Amino acid sequence: MKPKAKPDIRAFTQLKLEAARKAARESKVDVVELIKAAGLRYYDKRSQGGLLWLLGSMERLEFVNFCRRHGIRFIYRHGGSWATVSQHAWWYAEDDLDDNRIPRR
């Protein structure tokens, strides 16, 4: 008897993430407007070739998960970067951003 092939969970998760990102683009969800509506602090360095930073650590997890369900992905960086003056922060990963890129301090 042949062993059952296991489903590729990573591929399925990636498909769900891509679908959520596509839905967010089509509905024109603005991440900065979401952050402002939640009353959170952030630094937007995208116009200078940088990233969007959401200040805070694990207390922002509920907001980050809400955004993730809408195709907006934040990645946590302990100690932030020079842009956050070494404050713990989450950086926003846009669609065309390589997930393996780690911001420098």
Protein backbone atom coordinates (compact mmCIF):
# COMPACT_ATOMS: atom_id res chain seq x y z
CA MET A 1 0.00 0.00 0.00
CA LYS A 2 1.27 3.40 -1.01
CA PRO A 3 1.80 5.97 1.77
CA LYS A 4 -0.56 8.91 1.60
CA ALA A 5 0.99 12.10 0.29
CA LYS A 6 0.91 14.88 2.85
CA PRO A 7 -0.58 18.17 1.70
CA ASP A 8 1.91 21.01 1.32
CA ILE A 9 0.74 23.33 4.08
CA ARG A 10 3.26 26.05 3.16
CA ALA A 11 1.97 26.23 -0.40
CA PHE A 12 -1.62 26.43 0.83
CA THR A 13 -0.72 29.18 3.33
CA GLN A 14 1.13 31.10 0.62
CA LEU A 15 -1.92 30.90 -1.66
CA LYS A 16 -4.15 32.24 1.13
CA LEU A 17 -1.69 35.08 1.81
CA GLU A 18 -1.52 36.01 -1.87
CA ALA A 19 -5.34 36.01 -2.10
CA ALA A 20 -5.57 38.27 0.96
CA ARG A 21 -2.97 40.66 -0.48
CA LYS A 22 -4.85 40.78 -3.78
CA ALA A 23 -8.10 41.55 -1.96
CA ALA A 24 -6.40 44.32 0.02
CA ARG A 25 -5.01 45.88 -3.18
CA GLU A 26 -8.41 45.72 -4.87
CA SER A 27 -10.25 47.22 -1.92
CA LYS A 28 -7.57 49.91 -1.60
CA VAL A 29 -7.00 49.37 2.11
CA ASP A 30 -4.57 52.06 3.24
CA VAL A 31 -2.29 50.81 5.99
CA VAL A 32 -1.53 54.33 7.27
CA GLU A 33 -5.24 55.09 7.60
CA LEU A 34 -5.70 51.86 9.59
CA ILE A 35 -2.84 52.82 11.92
CA LYS A 36 -4.21 56.34 12.39
CA ALA A 37 -7.72 55.01 13.06
CA ALA A 38 -6.29 52.73 15.77
CA GLY A 39 -4.45 55.69 17.31
CA LEU A 40 -1.03 54.03 17.07
CA ARG A 41 2.37 55.64 16.57
CA TYR A 42 4.32 54.99 13.38
CA TYR A 43 7.15 56.27 11.17
CA ASP A 44 6.62 56.24 7.41
CA LYS A 45 9.99 56.32 5.65
CA ARG A 46 8.73 54.87 2.36
CA SER A 47 9.03 58.17 0.50
CA GLN A 48 12.75 58.13 1.36
CA GLY A 49 13.27 54.57 0.18
CA GLY A 50 12.69 53.06 3.64
CA LEU A 51 9.92 51.18 5.34
CA LEU A 52 6.75 51.87 7.27
CA TRP A 53 7.33 51.21 10.99
CA LEU A 54 4.59 50.55 13.55
CA LEU A 55 6.01 51.31 17.01
CA GLY A 56 5.50 48.83 19.83
CA SER A 57 6.11 45.17 20.49
CA MET A 58 3.79 42.30 21.34
CA GLU A 59 1.04 44.64 22.58
CA ARG A 60 0.44 45.39 18.88
CA LEU A 61 -0.15 41.74 18.01
CA GLU A 62 -3.94 42.06 17.86
CA PHE A 63 -3.67 44.95 15.37
CA VAL A 64 -0.98 43.12 13.36
CA ASN A 65 -3.17 39.99 13.13
CA PHE A 66 -6.13 42.10 12.01
CA CYS A 67 -3.98 43.60 9.26
CA ARG A 68 -2.64 40.19 8.27
CA ARG A 69 -6.20 38.92 7.74
CA HIS A 70 -6.64 41.81 5.29
CA GLY A 71 -3.43 41.08 3.36
CA ILE A 72 -1.24 43.64 5.12
CA ARG A 73 1.86 42.00 6.52
CA PHE A 74 3.96 43.36 9.37
CA ILE A 75 7.18 41.73 10.58
CA TYR A 76 8.45 42.28 14.12
CA ARG A 77 11.94 43.65 14.73
CA HIS A 78 13.17 43.59 18.33
CA GLY A 79 15.07 46.82 18.87
CA GLY A 80 13.62 48.39 15.72
CA SER A 81 16.13 50.21 13.54
CA TRP A 82 17.78 53.59 13.22
CA ALA A 83 14.48 54.88 11.82
CA THR A 84 12.69 54.01 15.07
CA VAL A 85 15.56 55.19 17.27
CA SER A 86 16.00 51.59 18.46
CA GLN A 87 12.41 51.30 19.72
CA HIS A 88 10.80 47.89 19.24
CA ALA A 89 8.69 48.02 16.09
CA TRP A 90 6.94 46.15 13.32
CA TRP A 91 7.87 46.88 9.73
CA TYR A 92 5.43 46.76 6.85
CA ALA A 93 6.29 44.36 4.06
CA GLU A 94 4.82 45.47 0.76
CA ASP A 95 3.98 42.94 -1.95
CA ASP A 96 7.18 43.42 -3.92
CA LEU A 97 9.43 43.32 -0.84
CA ASP A 98 11.53 40.22 -0.37
CA ASP A 99 10.48 38.59 2.92
CA ASN A 100 14.12 37.68 3.60
CA ARG A 101 15.25 41.31 3.61
CA ILE A 102 16.03 42.34 7.17
CA PRO A 103 16.25 46.07 7.87
CA ARG A 104 19.53 47.30 9.27
CA ARG A 105 19.74 49.07 12.60
